Amino acid sequence: MLDPSKVAGFLDIFGVWDPSLAFVMGGGVMVNLIGYQMISRRSRPVCDSRFHLPETKTITLPLVAGSVIFGIGWGVTGLCPGPALASTLINKETGVSFILAVIAGLVVGKIMLKQIRPA
């Protein structure tokens, strides 16, 4: 996941498709599934009085728009925020510019949200 060419290869389903990233994602899903099953049996978390789960199941325009923007950014750059942070140690120019772009996007998103939903 640190190599943008692997991500691009995985997303290139009509070209030279590289399915190796699916195994990485599958491994992550399995670890999460096992951890979720273990934690969901508890009556409360270790360091809090209750679990804080989403209270709404409504799909909103900001949720869909944010998901689409995230997906496009991931597909264009080949970097997801977590691996991008890790790749900063490997490729400083790409990692730092990506992190600055993420911060700029967060700031712009906050400004846009204020315009849409004034306090």
Protein backbone atom coordinates (compact mmCIF):
# COMPACT_ATOMS: atom_id res chain seq x y z
CA MET A 1 0.00 0.00 0.00
CA LEU A 2 3.03 2.26 0.16
CA ASP A 3 3.66 1.90 -3.57
CA PRO A 4 1.31 4.10 -5.65
CA SER A 5 1.97 1.95 -8.74
CA LYS A 6 0.47 -1.06 -6.89
CA VAL A 7 -2.68 0.94 -6.14
CA ALA A 8 -2.88 2.17 -9.73
CA GLY A 9 -2.39 -1.41 -10.96
CA PHE A 10 -5.20 -2.62 -8.73
CA LEU A 11 -7.56 0.10 -9.97
CA ASP A 12 -6.69 -0.56 -13.63
CA ILE A 13 -9.27 -3.32 -14.11
CA PHE A 14 -9.45 -2.87 -17.91
CA GLY A 15 -5.67 -2.76 -18.40
CA VAL A 16 -2.91 -4.70 -16.68
CA TRP A 17 -4.80 -5.50 -13.48
CA ASP A 18 -2.71 -6.35 -10.39
CA PRO A 19 -4.88 -8.21 -7.84
CA SER A 20 -2.17 -8.35 -5.13
CA LEU A 21 -3.66 -5.40 -3.23
CA ALA A 22 -6.86 -7.41 -2.75
CA PHE A 23 -4.91 -9.80 -0.52
CA VAL A 24 -3.68 -6.89 1.61
CA MET A 25 -7.22 -5.57 1.94
CA GLY A 26 -8.58 -9.05 2.62
CA GLY A 27 -6.04 -9.52 5.40
CA GLY A 28 -7.05 -6.20 6.93
CA VAL A 29 -10.74 -7.10 6.75
CA MET A 30 -10.10 -10.46 8.44
CA VAL A 31 -8.12 -8.90 11.30
CA ASN A 32 -10.83 -6.25 11.75
CA LEU A 33 -13.60 -8.87 11.68
CA ILE A 34 -11.92 -10.96 14.38
CA GLY A 35 -11.19 -7.88 16.52
CA TYR A 36 -14.75 -6.59 16.13
CA GLN A 37 -16.18 -9.96 17.17
CA MET A 38 -13.98 -10.01 20.28
CA ILE A 39 -14.79 -6.43 21.27
CA SER A 40 -18.54 -6.66 20.57
CA ARG A 41 -18.87 -9.33 23.28
CA ARG A 42 -17.82 -6.81 25.93
CA SER A 43 -20.45 -4.80 27.80
CA ARG A 44 -18.29 -1.66 27.62
CA PRO A 45 -14.83 -0.58 26.43
CA VAL A 46 -11.82 -0.86 28.73
CA CYS A 47 -11.17 2.90 28.96
CA ASP A 48 -14.68 4.38 28.66
CA SER A 49 -18.14 3.94 30.10
CA ARG A 50 -19.80 3.01 26.78
CA PHE A 51 -19.15 2.28 23.13
CA HIS A 52 -19.51 5.33 20.87
CA LEU A 53 -21.10 3.97 17.71
CA PRO A 54 -22.76 6.04 14.98
CA GLU A 55 -26.28 6.96 16.03
CA THR A 56 -27.63 7.59 12.56
CA LYS A 57 -27.77 5.38 9.51
CA THR A 58 -28.84 8.19 7.19
CA ILE A 59 -26.81 8.61 4.02
CA THR A 60 -26.34 12.34 3.46
CA LEU A 61 -24.99 14.40 0.57
CA PRO A 62 -21.86 15.46 2.51
CA LEU A 63 -21.14 11.79 3.31
CA VAL A 64 -21.47 10.74 -0.34
CA ALA A 65 -19.54 13.78 -1.62
CA GLY A 66 -16.72 13.20 0.85
CA SER A 67 -16.55 9.53 -0.07
CA VAL A 68 -16.41 10.33 -3.78
CA ILE A 69 -13.71 12.97 -3.29
CA PHE A 70 -11.69 10.59 -1.10
CA GLY A 71 -11.99 7.82 -3.69
CA ILE A 72 -11.01 10.06 -6.57
CA GLY A 73 -8.03 11.38 -4.62
CA TRP A 74 -6.97 7.85 -3.72
CA GLY A 75 -7.30 6.71 -7.34
CA VAL A 76 -5.48 9.72 -8.82
CA THR A 77 -2.57 9.76 -6.37
CA GLY A 78 -2.46 6.07 -5.52
CA LEU A 79 -2.01 7.06 -1.89
CA CYS A 80 -4.37 6.55 1.03
CA PRO A 81 -3.78 8.83 4.07
CA GLY A 82 -2.37 6.13 6.38
CA PRO A 83 0.11 4.65 3.90
CA ALA A 84 0.91 8.16 2.63
CA LEU A 85 2.07 9.09 6.11
CA ALA A 86 4.20 5.96 6.24
CA SER A 87 5.57 6.56 2.75
CA THR A 88 6.87 9.96 3.86
CA LEU A 89 9.85 8.06 5.27
CA ILE A 90 10.47 6.36 1.91
CA ASN A 91 9.65 9.18 -0.52
CA LYS A 92 9.79 12.53 1.24
CA GLU A 93 8.70 14.68 -1.72
CA THR A 94 5.57 12.67 -2.50
CA GLY A 95 4.65 12.03 1.13
CA VAL A 96 5.06 15.62 2.32
CA SER A 97 3.20 17.08 -0.68
CA PHE A 98 0.38 14.58 -0.18
CA ILE A 99 0.08 15.40 3.53
CA LEU A 100 0.02 19.14 2.73
CA ALA A 101 -2.69 18.50 0.13
CA VAL A 102 -4.74 16.52 2.68
CA ILE A 103 -4.43 19.37 5.21
CA ALA A 104 -5.42 21.90 2.53
CA GLY A 105 -8.40 19.73 1.59
CA LEU A 106 -9.51 19.53 5.22
CA VAL A 107 -9.32 23.31 5.56
CA VAL A 108 -11.24 23.87 2.32
CA GLY A 109 -13.82 21.27 3.38
CA LYS A 110 -14.31 23.00 6.72
CA ILE A 111 -14.80 26.37 4.99
CA MET A 112 -17.27 24.84 2.52
CA LEU A 113 -19.20 23.17 5.33
CA LYS A 114 -19.53 26.51 7.12
CA GLN A 115 -20.96 27.98 3.90
CA ILE A 116 -23.45 25.14 3.55
CA ARG A 117 -24.43 24.97 7.23
CA PRO A 118 -23.96 28.30 8.97
CA ALA A 119 -23.66 28.07 12.77
